[in-house]
All heavy atoms as atom14 arrays in JSON, in Angstrom:
{
  "sequence": "MDAKESLSGWRGASYLAESEDASLYGEIRDT",
  "atom14_mask": [
    [1, 1, 1, 1, 1, 1, 1, 1, 0, 0, 0, 0, 0, 0],
    [1, 1, 1, 1, 1, 1, 1, 1, 0, 0, 0, 0, 0, 0],
    [1, 1, 1, 1, 1, 0, 0, 0, 0, 0, 0, 0, 0, 0],
    [1, 1, 1, 1, 1, 1, 1, 1, 1, 0, 0, 0, 0, 0],
    [1, 1, 1, 1, 1, 1, 1, 1, 1, 0, 0, 0, 0, 0],
    [1, 1, 1, 1, 1, 1, 0, 0, 0, 0, 0, 0, 0, 0],
    [1, 1, 1, 1, 1, 1, 1, 1, 0, 0, 0, 0, 0, 0],
    [1, 1, 1, 1, 1, 1, 0, 0, 0, 0, 0, 0, 0, 0],
    [1, 1, 1, 1, 0, 0, 0, 0, 0, 0, 0, 0, 0, 0],
    [1, 1, 1, 1, 1, 1, 1, 1, 1, 1, 1, 1, 1, 1],
    [1, 1, 1, 1, 1, 1, 1, 1, 1, 1, 1, 0, 0, 0],
    [1, 1, 1, 1, 0, 0, 0, 0, 0, 0, 0, 0, 0, 0],
    [1, 1, 1, 1, 1, 0, 0, 0, 0, 0, 0, 0, 0, 0],
    [1, 1, 1, 1, 1, 1, 0, 0, 0, 0, 0, 0, 0, 0],
    [1, 1, 1, 1, 1, 1, 1, 1, 1, 1, 1, 1, 0, 0],
    [1, 1, 1, 1, 1, 1, 1, 1, 0, 0, 0, 0, 0, 0],
    [1, 1, 1, 1, 1, 0, 0, 0, 0, 0, 0, 0, 0, 0],
    [1, 1, 1, 1, 1, 1, 1, 1, 1, 0, 0, 0, 0, 0],
    [1, 1, 1, 1, 1, 1, 0, 0, 0, 0, 0, 0, 0, 0],
    [1, 1, 1, 1, 1, 1, 1, 1, 1, 0, 0, 0, 0, 0],
    [1, 1, 1, 1, 1, 1, 1, 1, 0, 0, 0, 0, 0, 0],
    [1, 1, 1, 1, 1, 0, 0, 0, 0, 0, 0, 0, 0, 0],
    [1, 1, 1, 1, 1, 1, 0, 0, 0, 0, 0, 0, 0, 0],
    [1, 1, 1, 1, 1, 1, 1, 1, 0, 0, 0, 0, 0, 0],
    [1, 1, 1, 1, 1, 1, 1, 1, 1, 1, 1, 1, 0, 0],
    [1, 1, 1, 1, 0, 0, 0, 0, 0, 0, 0, 0, 0, 0],
    [1, 1, 1, 1, 1, 1, 1, 1, 1, 0, 0, 0, 0, 0],
    [1, 1, 1, 1, 1, 1, 1, 1, 0, 0, 0, 0, 0, 0],
    [1, 1, 1, 1, 1, 1, 1, 1, 1, 1, 1, 0, 0, 0],
    [1, 1, 1, 1, 1, 1, 1, 1, 0, 0, 0, 0, 0, 0],
    [1, 1, 1, 1, 1, 1, 1, 0, 0, 0, 0, 0, 0, 0]
  ],
  "atom14_positions": [
    [[54.94, 111.4, 60.24], [56.02, 111.03, 61.09], [55.89, 109.61, 61.64], [56.84, 108.88, 61.62], [56.25, 111.95, 62.19], [56.68, 113.36, 61.76], [56.79, 114.54, 63.17], [57.8, 115.84, 62.48], [0.0, 0.0, 0.0], [0.0, 0.0, 0.0], [0.0, 0.0, 0.0], [0.0, 0.0, 0.0], [0.0, 0.0, 0.0], [0.0, 0.0, 0.0]],
    [[54.67, 109.32, 62.09], [54.42, 107.98, 62.68], [54.56, 106.83, 61.62], [54.97, 105.73, 61.92], [52.99, 107.91, 63.35], [53.02, 108.71, 64.54], [54.02, 109.06, 65.07], [51.82, 109.0, 65.05], [0.0, 0.0, 0.0], [0.0, 0.0, 0.0], [0.0, 0.0, 0.0], [0.0, 0.0, 0.0], [0.0, 0.0, 0.0], [0.0, 0.0, 0.0]],
    [[54.13, 107.16, 60.43], [54.1, 106.14, 59.31], [55.46, 105.99, 58.62], [55.74, 104.99, 57.89], [53.01, 106.52, 58.32], [0.0, 0.0, 0.0], [0.0, 0.0, 0.0], [0.0, 0.0, 0.0], [0.0, 0.0, 0.0], [0.0, 0.0, 0.0], [0.0, 0.0, 0.0], [0.0, 0.0, 0.0], [0.0, 0.0, 0.0], [0.0, 0.0, 0.0]],
    [[56.33, 106.93, 58.74], [57.58, 107.04, 57.93], [58.64, 105.99, 58.57], [59.01, 106.15, 59.75], [58.16, 108.38, 57.96], [58.86, 108.71, 56.67], [59.17, 110.27, 56.66], [59.76, 110.6, 55.24], [60.05, 112.01, 55.15], [0.0, 0.0, 0.0], [0.0, 0.0, 0.0], [0.0, 0.0, 0.0], [0.0, 0.0, 0.0], [0.0, 0.0, 0.0]],
    [[58.96, 104.91, 57.76], [59.9, 103.97, 58.26], [61.3, 104.58, 58.64], [61.96, 104.18, 59.6], [60.08, 102.86, 57.24], [60.99, 101.69, 57.68], [60.42, 101.0, 59.01], [59.2, 100.92, 59.11], [61.33, 100.56, 59.73], [0.0, 0.0, 0.0], [0.0, 0.0, 0.0], [0.0, 0.0, 0.0], [0.0, 0.0, 0.0], [0.0, 0.0, 0.0]],
    [[61.66, 105.58, 57.88], [63.02, 106.22, 58.1], [63.06, 106.94, 59.4], [64.22, 107.24, 59.85], [63.38, 107.12, 56.89], [62.39, 108.17, 56.77], [0.0, 0.0, 0.0], [0.0, 0.0, 0.0], [0.0, 0.0, 0.0], [0.0, 0.0, 0.0], [0.0, 0.0, 0.0], [0.0, 0.0, 0.0], [0.0, 0.0, 0.0], [0.0, 0.0, 0.0]],
    [[61.98, 107.22, 60.05], [61.94, 107.95, 61.33], [61.73, 106.91, 62.48], [61.51, 107.42, 63.63], [60.84, 108.92, 61.35], [60.99, 110.16, 60.36], [59.86, 111.16, 60.63], [62.34, 110.81, 60.51], [0.0, 0.0, 0.0], [0.0, 0.0, 0.0], [0.0, 0.0, 0.0], [0.0, 0.0, 0.0], [0.0, 0.0, 0.0], [0.0, 0.0, 0.0]],
    [[61.76, 105.71, 62.25], [61.52, 104.63, 63.24], [62.55, 104.76, 64.38], [62.28, 104.45, 65.51], [61.45, 103.27, 62.68], [62.62, 102.99, 62.05], [0.0, 0.0, 0.0], [0.0, 0.0, 0.0], [0.0, 0.0, 0.0], [0.0, 0.0, 0.0], [0.0, 0.0, 0.0], [0.0, 0.0, 0.0], [0.0, 0.0, 0.0], [0.0, 0.0, 0.0]],
    [[63.82, 105.23, 64.01], [64.8, 105.34, 64.99], [64.54, 106.43, 66.0], [64.92, 106.41, 67.18], [0.0, 0.0, 0.0], [0.0, 0.0, 0.0], [0.0, 0.0, 0.0], [0.0, 0.0, 0.0], [0.0, 0.0, 0.0], [0.0, 0.0, 0.0], [0.0, 0.0, 0.0], [0.0, 0.0, 0.0], [0.0, 0.0, 0.0], [0.0, 0.0, 0.0]],
    [[63.81, 107.41, 65.57], [63.42, 108.42, 66.54], [62.43, 107.89, 67.58], [62.53, 108.16, 68.78], [62.62, 109.65, 65.71], [62.24, 110.78, 66.51], [62.75, 111.14, 67.71], [61.18, 111.76, 66.24], [62.1, 112.31, 68.19], [61.12, 112.65, 67.25], [60.34, 111.87, 65.15], [60.26, 113.73, 67.24], [59.42, 112.95, 65.09], [59.37, 113.83, 66.16]],
    [[61.53, 106.94, 67.09], [60.59, 106.35, 68.03], [61.32, 105.56, 69.09], [61.0, 105.67, 70.28], [59.69, 105.42, 67.24], [58.55, 104.79, 68.0], [57.66, 103.88, 67.23], [57.22, 104.41, 66.06], [57.54, 104.02, 64.84], [58.46, 102.97, 64.69], [57.15, 104.54, 63.74], [0.0, 0.0, 0.0], [0.0, 0.0, 0.0], [0.0, 0.0, 0.0]],
    [[62.41, 104.97, 68.67], [63.2, 104.11, 69.66], [64.02, 105.02, 70.63], [64.1, 104.71, 71.75], [0.0, 0.0, 0.0], [0.0, 0.0, 0.0], [0.0, 0.0, 0.0], [0.0, 0.0, 0.0], [0.0, 0.0, 0.0], [0.0, 0.0, 0.0], [0.0, 0.0, 0.0], [0.0, 0.0, 0.0], [0.0, 0.0, 0.0], [0.0, 0.0, 0.0]],
    [[64.47, 106.2, 70.08], [65.32, 107.03, 70.94], [64.48, 107.99, 71.87], [64.92, 108.28, 72.82], [66.18, 107.9, 70.04], [0.0, 0.0, 0.0], [0.0, 0.0, 0.0], [0.0, 0.0, 0.0], [0.0, 0.0, 0.0], [0.0, 0.0, 0.0], [0.0, 0.0, 0.0], [0.0, 0.0, 0.0], [0.0, 0.0, 0.0], [0.0, 0.0, 0.0]],
    [[63.21, 108.25, 71.46], [62.28, 109.1, 72.21], [62.74, 110.57, 72.26], [62.05, 111.41, 71.61], [62.05, 108.64, 73.62], [61.55, 107.4, 73.71], [0.0, 0.0, 0.0], [0.0, 0.0, 0.0], [0.0, 0.0, 0.0], [0.0, 0.0, 0.0], [0.0, 0.0, 0.0], [0.0, 0.0, 0.0], [0.0, 0.0, 0.0], [0.0, 0.0, 0.0]],
    [[63.9, 110.84, 72.76], [64.41, 112.2, 72.72], [65.71, 112.19, 71.94], [66.67, 111.6, 72.39], [64.68, 112.65, 74.22], [63.45, 112.66, 75.04], [63.25, 111.61, 75.98], [62.54, 113.76, 74.94], [62.08, 111.66, 76.76], [61.36, 113.73, 75.78], [61.15, 112.61, 76.65], [60.0, 112.64, 77.43], [0.0, 0.0, 0.0], [0.0, 0.0, 0.0]],
    [[65.74, 112.94, 70.87], [66.87, 112.88, 69.95], [67.56, 114.19, 69.77], [66.98, 115.19, 69.45], [66.38, 112.42, 68.54], [67.52, 112.27, 67.51], [68.34, 110.93, 67.84], [66.93, 112.16, 66.08], [0.0, 0.0, 0.0], [0.0, 0.0, 0.0], [0.0, 0.0, 0.0], [0.0, 0.0, 0.0], [0.0, 0.0, 0.0], [0.0, 0.0, 0.0]],
    [[68.87, 114.22, 70.15], [69.7, 115.39, 70.04], [70.53, 115.16, 68.69], [70.77, 114.11, 68.26], [70.68, 115.59, 71.14], [0.0, 0.0, 0.0], [0.0, 0.0, 0.0], [0.0, 0.0, 0.0], [0.0, 0.0, 0.0], [0.0, 0.0, 0.0], [0.0, 0.0, 0.0], [0.0, 0.0, 0.0], [0.0, 0.0, 0.0], [0.0, 0.0, 0.0]],
    [[71.02, 116.33, 68.13], [71.76, 116.22, 66.86], [72.96, 115.41, 67.0], [73.37, 114.69, 66.09], [72.04, 117.64, 66.31], [72.72, 117.67, 64.95], [72.79, 119.05, 64.34], [72.63, 120.04, 65.1], [72.98, 119.18, 63.16], [0.0, 0.0, 0.0], [0.0, 0.0, 0.0], [0.0, 0.0, 0.0], [0.0, 0.0, 0.0], [0.0, 0.0, 0.0]],
    [[73.61, 115.51, 68.2], [74.91, 114.84, 68.43], [74.66, 113.32, 68.46], [75.69, 112.57, 68.18], [75.51, 115.26, 69.76], [74.61, 114.95, 70.83], [0.0, 0.0, 0.0], [0.0, 0.0, 0.0], [0.0, 0.0, 0.0], [0.0, 0.0, 0.0], [0.0, 0.0, 0.0], [0.0, 0.0, 0.0], [0.0, 0.0, 0.0], [0.0, 0.0, 0.0]],
    [[73.5, 112.85, 68.58], [73.25, 111.37, 68.74], [73.07, 110.73, 67.32], [73.51, 109.63, 67.17], [72.03, 111.12, 69.57], [72.13, 111.52, 71.01], [70.91, 111.54, 71.85], [69.8, 111.84, 71.25], [70.94, 111.14, 72.97], [0.0, 0.0, 0.0], [0.0, 0.0, 0.0], [0.0, 0.0, 0.0], [0.0, 0.0, 0.0], [0.0, 0.0, 0.0]],
    [[72.4, 111.4, 66.42], [72.25, 110.95, 65.08], [71.88, 112.15, 64.11], [70.74, 112.56, 63.95], [71.09, 109.88, 65.02], [71.01, 109.16, 63.68], [71.29, 109.85, 62.65], [70.58, 107.95, 63.69], [0.0, 0.0, 0.0], [0.0, 0.0, 0.0], [0.0, 0.0, 0.0], [0.0, 0.0, 0.0], [0.0, 0.0, 0.0], [0.0, 0.0, 0.0]],
    [[72.95, 112.73, 63.57], [72.8, 113.9, 62.72], [71.89, 113.69, 61.58], [71.17, 114.67, 61.17], [74.13, 114.44, 62.29], [0.0, 0.0, 0.0], [0.0, 0.0, 0.0], [0.0, 0.0, 0.0], [0.0, 0.0, 0.0], [0.0, 0.0, 0.0], [0.0, 0.0, 0.0], [0.0, 0.0, 0.0], [0.0, 0.0, 0.0], [0.0, 0.0, 0.0]],
    [[71.99, 112.62, 60.94], [71.15, 112.32, 59.79], [69.7, 112.26, 60.11], [68.77, 112.8, 59.43], [71.66, 110.98, 59.08], [70.77, 110.71, 57.99], [0.0, 0.0, 0.0], [0.0, 0.0, 0.0], [0.0, 0.0, 0.0], [0.0, 0.0, 0.0], [0.0, 0.0, 0.0], [0.0, 0.0, 0.0], [0.0, 0.0, 0.0], [0.0, 0.0, 0.0]],
    [[69.31, 111.46, 61.22], [67.96, 111.44, 61.52], [67.39, 112.74, 62.1], [66.33, 113.1, 61.76], [67.84, 110.29, 62.7], [66.46, 110.07, 63.27], [65.42, 109.64, 62.19], [66.52, 108.95, 64.34], [0.0, 0.0, 0.0], [0.0, 0.0, 0.0], [0.0, 0.0, 0.0], [0.0, 0.0, 0.0], [0.0, 0.0, 0.0], [0.0, 0.0, 0.0]],
    [[68.24, 113.37, 62.83], [67.93, 114.71, 63.4], [67.56, 115.64, 62.2], [66.59, 116.4, 62.2], [69.06, 115.26, 64.17], [68.77, 116.61, 64.84], [68.37, 116.65, 66.14], [69.0, 117.83, 64.15], [68.17, 117.95, 66.71], [68.85, 119.1, 64.82], [68.35, 119.03, 66.08], [68.15, 120.32, 66.65], [0.0, 0.0, 0.0], [0.0, 0.0, 0.0]],
    [[68.4, 115.64, 61.12], [68.18, 116.46, 59.95], [66.88, 116.14, 59.21], [66.19, 117.01, 58.77], [0.0, 0.0, 0.0], [0.0, 0.0, 0.0], [0.0, 0.0, 0.0], [0.0, 0.0, 0.0], [0.0, 0.0, 0.0], [0.0, 0.0, 0.0], [0.0, 0.0, 0.0], [0.0, 0.0, 0.0], [0.0, 0.0, 0.0], [0.0, 0.0, 0.0]],
    [[66.56, 114.87, 59.17], [65.28, 114.5, 58.43], [64.08, 115.01, 59.26], [63.03, 115.5, 58.65], [65.17, 112.94, 58.31], [64.01, 112.51, 57.47], [63.88, 111.03, 57.19], [64.9, 110.32, 57.61], [62.92, 110.58, 56.57], [0.0, 0.0, 0.0], [0.0, 0.0, 0.0], [0.0, 0.0, 0.0], [0.0, 0.0, 0.0], [0.0, 0.0, 0.0]],
    [[64.08, 114.87, 60.57], [63.02, 115.4, 61.4], [62.93, 116.89, 61.15], [61.77, 117.43, 61.08], [63.28, 115.07, 62.9], [63.36, 113.55, 63.09], [62.07, 115.65, 63.67], [63.76, 113.11, 64.47], [0.0, 0.0, 0.0], [0.0, 0.0, 0.0], [0.0, 0.0, 0.0], [0.0, 0.0, 0.0], [0.0, 0.0, 0.0], [0.0, 0.0, 0.0]],
    [[64.02, 117.61, 61.24], [64.05, 119.05, 61.1], [63.41, 119.4, 59.76], [62.67, 120.4, 59.67], [65.52, 119.5, 61.27], [65.63, 121.13, 61.05], [67.1, 121.4, 60.78], [67.62, 120.72, 59.76], [68.91, 120.28, 59.59], [69.71, 120.36, 60.61], [69.29, 119.56, 58.55], [0.0, 0.0, 0.0], [0.0, 0.0, 0.0], [0.0, 0.0, 0.0]],
    [[63.82, 118.71, 58.73], [63.34, 119.03, 57.36], [61.85, 118.78, 57.25], [61.08, 119.49, 56.51], [64.09, 118.2, 56.34], [65.55, 118.57, 56.19], [65.94, 119.68, 56.65], [66.35, 117.71, 55.56], [0.0, 0.0, 0.0], [0.0, 0.0, 0.0], [0.0, 0.0, 0.0], [0.0, 0.0, 0.0], [0.0, 0.0, 0.0], [0.0, 0.0, 0.0]],
    [[61.32, 117.74, 57.98], [59.93, 117.47, 57.9], [59.16, 118.6, 58.63], [58.13, 119.12, 58.08], [59.61, 116.2, 58.65], [60.35, 115.12, 58.16], [58.08, 115.89, 58.56], [0.0, 0.0, 0.0], [0.0, 0.0, 0.0], [0.0, 0.0, 0.0], [0.0, 0.0, 0.0], [0.0, 0.0, 0.0], [0.0, 0.0, 0.0], [0.0, 0.0, 0.0]]
  ]
}
């Protein structure tokens, strides 16, 4: 998770709800 560039937006958001970014939320859930 820390190394994945596609999850860098999570690092910036800190706390991510699905309503804020459904695509990023889905990738974290899938991981």
